[in-house]
C-alpha atoms as a PDB file:
ATOM      1  CA  MET A   1     -26.265  -6.552   0.009  1.00  0.00           C
ATOM      2  CA  LEU A   2     -23.726  -9.164  -1.090  1.00  0.00           C
ATOM      3  CA  PHE A   3     -22.567  -6.942  -3.957  1.00  0.00           C
ATOM      4  CA  ASN A   4     -22.001  -4.035  -1.549  1.00  0.00           C
ATOM      5  CA  ILE A   5     -20.026  -6.227   0.856  1.00  0.00           C
ATOM      6  CA  VAL A   6     -17.852  -7.578  -1.966  1.00  0.00           C
ATOM      7  CA  GLU A   7     -17.363  -4.051  -3.287  1.00  0.00           C
ATOM      8  CA  GLY A   8     -16.321  -2.933   0.200  1.00  0.00           C
ATOM      9  CA  ILE A   9     -13.854  -5.788   0.509  1.00  0.00           C
ATOM     10  CA  VAL A  10     -12.372  -4.808  -2.854  1.00  0.00           C
ATOM     11  CA  ARG A  11     -12.069  -1.199  -1.620  1.00  0.00           C
ATOM     12  CA  LEU A  12     -10.398  -2.394   1.583  1.00  0.00           C
ATOM     13  CA  SER A  13      -8.034  -4.556  -0.486  1.00  0.00           C
ATOM     14  CA  PHE A  14      -7.065  -1.515  -2.568  1.00  0.00           C
ATOM     15  CA  LEU A  15      -6.341   0.463   0.606  1.00  0.00           C
ATOM     16  CA  LEU A  16      -4.176  -2.324   2.015  1.00  0.00           C
ATOM     17  CA  ALA A  17      -2.373  -2.855  -1.294  1.00  0.00           C
ATOM     18  CA  TYR A  18      -1.708   0.876  -1.615  1.00  0.00           C
ATOM     19  CA  LEU A  19      -0.299   1.130   1.908  1.00  0.00           C
ATOM     20  CA  ALA A  20       1.824  -1.977   1.379  1.00  0.00           C
ATOM     21  CA  ALA A  21       3.179  -0.631  -1.920  1.00  0.00           C
ATOM     22  CA  VAL A  22       3.916   2.821  -0.515  1.00  0.00           C
ATOM     23  CA  SER A  23       5.697   1.301   2.474  1.00  0.00           C
ATOM     24  CA  LEU A  24       8.188  -0.273   0.045  1.00  0.00           C
ATOM     25  CA  VAL A  25       9.158   3.046  -1.558  1.00  0.00           C
ATOM     26  CA  GLY A  26      12.486   4.237  -0.148  1.00  0.00           C
ATOM     27  CA  ASP A  27      11.513   7.855   0.526  1.00  0.00           C
ATOM     28  CA  PHE A  28       8.493   6.800   2.512  1.00  0.00           C
ATOM     29  CA  LYS A  29      10.595   4.889   5.030  1.00  0.00           C
ATOM     30  CA  ARG A  30      11.768   8.204   6.510  1.00  0.00           C
ATOM     31  CA  ILE A  31       8.230   9.600   6.542  1.00  0.00           C
ATOM     32  CA  PHE A  32       6.995   6.482   8.295  1.00  0.00           C
ATOM     33  CA  GLN A  33       9.836   6.808  10.833  1.00  0.00           C
ATOM     34  CA  TYR A  34       8.587  10.324  11.625  1.00  0.00           C
ATOM     35  CA  HIS A  35       5.091   8.897  11.900  1.00  0.00           C
ATOM     36  CA  GLY A  36       6.443   6.386  14.427  1.00  0.00           C
ATOM     37  CA  ALA A  37       8.200   9.217  16.270  1.00  0.00           C
ATOM     38  CA  GLU A  38       4.923  11.141  16.436  1.00  0.00           C
ATOM     39  CA  HIS A  39       3.187   8.165  18.048  1.00  0.00           C
ATOM     40  CA  THR A  40       6.094   7.616  20.418  1.00  0.00           C
ATOM     41  CA  ALA A  41       5.923  11.236  21.583  1.00  0.00           C
ATOM     42  CA  ILE A  42       2.111  11.208  21.866  1.00  0.00           C
ATOM     43  CA  ASN A  43       2.163   7.955  23.846  1.00  0.00           C
ATOM     44  CA  ALA A  44       4.739   9.413  26.228  1.00  0.00           C
ATOM     45  CA  TYR A  45       2.732  12.634  26.552  1.00  0.00           C
ATOM     46  CA  GLU A  46      -0.501  10.751  27.260  1.00  0.00           C
ATOM     47  CA  SER A  47       1.310   8.676  29.892  1.00  0.00           C
ATOM     48  CA  GLY A  48       2.263  11.847  31.731  1.00  0.00           C
ATOM     49  CA  VAL A  49       6.030  11.349  31.752  1.00  0.00           C
ATOM     50  CA  GLU A  50       8.473  14.184  31.221  1.00  0.00           C
ATOM     51  CA  LEU A  51       8.805  14.668  27.481  1.00  0.00           C
ATOM     52  CA  ASN A  52      12.359  13.880  26.506  1.00  0.00           C
ATOM     53  CA  VAL A  53      13.934  11.387  24.130  1.00  0.00           C
ATOM     54  CA  GLU A  54      15.065   9.056  26.919  1.00  0.00           C
ATOM     55  CA  ASN A  55      11.513   8.705  28.245  1.00  0.00           C
ATOM     56  CA  ALA A  56       9.704   8.748  24.904  1.00  0.00           C
ATOM     57  CA  ILE A  57      11.836   6.035  23.304  1.00  0.00           C
ATOM     58  CA  LYS A  58      10.335   3.549  25.763  1.00  0.00           C
ATOM     59  CA  TYR A  59       6.872   4.012  24.245  1.00  0.00           C
ATOM     60  CA  SER A  60       5.270   2.263  21.302  1.00  0.00           C
ATOM     61  CA  ARG A  61       5.235   3.556  17.756  1.00  0.00           C
ATOM     62  CA  PHE A  62       1.612   2.353  17.519  1.00  0.00           C
ATOM     63  CA  HIS A  63      -1.371   4.453  18.586  1.00  0.00           C
ATOM     64  CA  ALA A  64      -5.019   3.378  18.610  1.00  0.00           C
ATOM     65  CA  ARG A  65      -6.356   6.753  17.438  1.00  0.00           C
ATOM     66  CA  CYS A  66      -3.989   7.109  14.495  1.00  0.00           C
ATOM     67  CA  GLY A  67      -5.139   8.397  11.126  1.00  0.00           C
ATOM     68  CA  THR A  68      -4.262   4.997   9.684  1.00  0.00           C
ATOM     69  CA  SER A  69      -6.718   3.393  12.099  1.00  0.00           C
ATOM     70  CA  PHE A  70      -9.245   6.073  11.166  1.00  0.00           C
ATOM     71  CA  LEU A  71      -8.918   5.137   7.470  1.00  0.00           C
ATOM     72  CA  LEU A  72      -9.553   1.516   8.322  1.00  0.00           C
ATOM     73  CA  VAL A  73     -12.571   2.363  10.486  1.00  0.00           C
ATOM     74  CA  VAL A  74     -13.999   4.627   7.755  1.00  0.00           C
ATOM     75  CA  THR A  75     -13.595   1.830   5.226  1.00  0.00           C
ATOM     76  CA  LEU A  76     -15.257  -0.741   7.488  1.00  0.00           C
ATOM     77  CA  ILE A  77     -18.109   1.597   8.491  1.00  0.00           C
ATOM     78  CA  SER A  78     -18.716   2.464   4.839  1.00  0.00           C
ATOM     79  CA  ILE A  79     -18.931  -1.257   4.023  1.00  0.00           C
ATOM     80  CA  LEU A  80     -21.522  -1.624   6.787  1.00  0.00           C
ATOM     81  CA  PHE A  81     -23.544   1.431   5.765  1.00  0.00           C
ATOM     82  CA  PHE A  82     -23.470   0.741   2.030  1.00  0.00           C
ATOM     83  CA  SER A  83     -24.346  -2.933   2.482  1.00  0.00           C
ATOM     84  CA  ILE A  84     -27.669  -2.001   4.094  1.00  0.00           C
ATOM     85  CA  MET A  85     -28.575   0.656   1.516  1.00  0.00           C
ATOM     86  CA  PRO A  86     -31.196  -0.401  -1.016  1.00  0.00           C
ATOM     87  CA  SER A  87     -29.964  -1.210  -4.480  1.00  0.00           C
ATOM     88  CA  SER A  88     -31.102   1.428  -6.908  1.00  0.00           C
ATOM     89  CA  THR A  89     -29.994   3.341  -9.955  1.00  0.00           C
ATOM     90  CA  TYR A  90     -26.427   4.456 -10.289  1.00  0.00           C
ATOM     91  CA  LEU A  91     -27.274   8.104  -9.569  1.00  0.00           C
ATOM     92  CA  VAL A  92     -29.220   7.265  -6.410  1.00  0.00           C
ATOM     93  CA  ARG A  93     -26.372   5.061  -5.125  1.00  0.00           C
ATOM     94  CA  LEU A  94     -23.887   7.812  -5.929  1.00  0.00           C
ATOM     95  CA  ALA A  95     -26.048  10.384  -4.152  1.00  0.00           C
ATOM     96  CA  TYR A  96     -26.321   8.449  -0.899  1.00  0.00           C
ATOM     97  CA  ARG A  97     -22.619   7.626  -0.992  1.00  0.00           C
ATOM     98  CA  VAL A  98     -21.785  11.314  -1.245  1.00  0.00           C
ATOM     99  CA  LEU A  99     -24.420  12.350   1.302  1.00  0.00           C
ATOM    100  CA  LEU A 100     -23.229   9.729   3.799  1.00  0.00           C
ATOM    101  CA  ILE A 101     -19.583  10.915   3.766  1.00  0.00           C
ATOM    102  CA  PRO A 102     -20.076  13.209   6.800  1.00  0.00           C
ATOM    103  CA  VAL A 103     -22.118  10.570   8.628  1.00  0.00           C
ATOM    104  CA  ILE A 104     -19.547   7.830   8.050  1.00  0.00           C
ATOM    105  CA  SER A 105     -16.729  10.179   9.052  1.00  0.00           C
ATOM    106  CA  ALA A 106     -18.539  11.270  12.207  1.00  0.00           C
ATOM    107  CA  VAL A 107     -19.389   7.713  13.254  1.00  0.00           C
ATOM    108  CA  SER A 108     -15.780   6.646  12.629  1.00  0.00           C
ATOM    109  CA  TYR A 109     -14.415   9.585  14.626  1.00  0.00           C
ATOM    110  CA  GLU A 110     -16.728   8.845  17.546  1.00  0.00           C
ATOM    111  CA  LEU A 111     -15.715   5.183  17.503  1.00  0.00           C
ATOM    112  CA  LEU A 112     -12.050   6.198  17.763  1.00  0.00           C
ATOM    113  CA  LYS A 113     -12.886   8.506  20.667  1.00  0.00           C
ATOM    114  CA  LEU A 114     -14.809   5.673  22.296  1.00  0.00           C
ATOM    115  CA  SER A 115     -11.800   3.390  21.873  1.00  0.00           C
ATOM    116  CA  ASP A 116      -9.796   5.812  24.018  1.00  0.00           C
ATOM    117  CA  ARG A 117     -12.417   5.979  26.747  1.00  0.00           C
ATOM    118  CA  TYR A 118     -12.500   2.184  27.050  1.00  0.00           C
ATOM    119  CA  ARG A 119      -8.889   1.473  26.065  1.00  0.00           C
ATOM    120  CA  ASP A 120      -8.380  -1.009  28.922  1.00  0.00           C
ATOM    121  CA  SER A 121     -11.402  -3.102  27.962  1.00  0.00           C
ATOM    122  CA  PRO A 122     -10.485  -6.508  26.514  1.00  0.00           C
ATOM    123  CA  ILE A 123     -13.217  -6.107  23.895  1.00  0.00           C
ATOM    124  CA  MET A 124     -11.892  -2.702  22.829  1.00  0.00           C
ATOM    125  CA  LYS A 125      -8.355  -4.087  22.606  1.00  0.00           C
ATOM    126  CA  ILE A 126      -9.641  -6.677  20.143  1.00  0.00           C
ATOM    127  CA  LEU A 127     -11.534  -4.036  18.140  1.00  0.00           C
ATOM    128  CA  VAL A 128      -8.531  -1.685  17.797  1.00  0.00           C
ATOM    129  CA  ALA A 129      -6.091  -4.502  16.987  1.00  0.00           C
ATOM    130  CA  PRO A 130      -6.642  -4.367  13.179  1.00  0.00           C
ATOM    131  CA  GLY A 131      -5.872  -0.622  13.132  1.00  0.00           C
ATOM    132  CA  LEU A 132      -2.751  -1.166  15.211  1.00  0.00           C
ATOM    133  CA  ALA A 133      -1.715  -4.016  12.920  1.00  0.00           C
ATOM    134  CA  LEU A 134      -2.165  -1.768   9.890  1.00  0.00           C
ATOM    135  CA  GLN A 135       0.302   0.663  11.443  1.00  0.00           C
ATOM    136  CA  HIS A 136       3.020  -1.911  10.819  1.00  0.00           C
ATOM    137  CA  LEU A 137       2.820  -0.587   7.258  1.00  0.00           C
ATOM    138  CA  THR A 138       2.643   3.141   8.069  1.00  0.00           C
ATOM    139  CA  THR A 139       5.110   3.501  10.950  1.00  0.00           C
ATOM    140  CA  ARG A 140       8.747   2.556  11.357  1.00  0.00           C
ATOM    141  CA  LYS A 141      11.106   2.666  14.318  1.00  0.00           C
ATOM    142  CA  PRO A 142      12.300   6.271  14.575  1.00  0.00           C
ATOM    143  CA  ASP A 143      15.763   7.474  15.505  1.00  0.00           C
ATOM    144  CA  ASP A 144      16.441   9.805  18.438  1.00  0.00           C
ATOM    145  CA  GLU A 145      16.494  12.965  16.301  1.00  0.00           C
ATOM    146  CA  MET A 146      13.073  12.137  14.880  1.00  0.00           C
ATOM    147  CA  ILE A 147      11.684  11.616  18.371  1.00  0.00           C
ATOM    148  CA  GLU A 148      13.188  14.965  19.388  1.00  0.00           C
ATOM    149  CA  VAL A 149      11.372  16.674  16.497  1.00  0.00           C
ATOM    150  CA  ALA A 150       8.109  14.954  17.464  1.00  0.00           C
ATOM    151  CA  ILE A 151       8.527  16.029  21.103  1.00  0.00           C
ATOM    152  CA  LYS A 152       9.062  19.650  20.014  1.00  0.00           C
ATOM    153  CA  ALA A 153       5.875  19.429  17.941  1.00  0.00           C
ATOM    154  CA  VAL A 154       3.882  18.020  20.878  1.00  0.00           C
ATOM    155  CA  LYS A 155       5.203  20.757  23.177  1.00  0.00           C
ATOM    156  CA  GLU A 156       4.312  23.416  20.619  1.00  0.00           C
ATOM    157  CA  VAL A 157       0.772  22.087  20.278  1.00  0.00           C
ATOM    158  CA  GLU A 158       0.466  22.047  24.064  1.00  0.00           C
ATOM    159  CA  ARG A 159       1.729  25.658  24.220  1.00  0.00           C
ATOM    160  CA  LEU A 160      -0.726  26.774  21.540  1.00  0.00           C
ATOM    161  CA  GLN A 161      -3.634  25.038  23.278  1.00  0.00           C
ATOM    162  CA  LYS A 162      -2.837  26.850  26.532  1.00  0.00           C
ATOM    163  CA  GLY A 163      -2.989  30.140  24.640  1.00  0.00           C
ATOM    164  CA  MET A 164      -6.524  29.428  23.416  1.00  0.00           C
END
């Protein structure tokens, strides 16, 4: 169990180090600004305000159900799952790690959905805080043009969903 927990912490450290390193690369700054614009537009959309730059710019670049948060949740859930798995041969450990990928992903996805349902709960705010903190690495403050692009994308998704 201890080995699996340490291994999971090492994996989490690699994820954090990778995100920190990538956030320092010049070209990624622009990508992360668009990521921040996406969150800004989604937060405005979910708040029900008219989608325009003036309204959207007032909203946060952080979002609890972000893919960055999902990566963190997947990593933490995998640490939990793998720490309770019996120690066995390499092939058996490899097999259950591969077989548990859909289970870990599904549990992580449901936890993110649950975080939305109970978003005002003080306990849930504490639980989503690490994912939001991680977004300091993967989002940057967007400019108005980036927010405009994100708003167009949100409106297009909304249009496509109505057509379904």
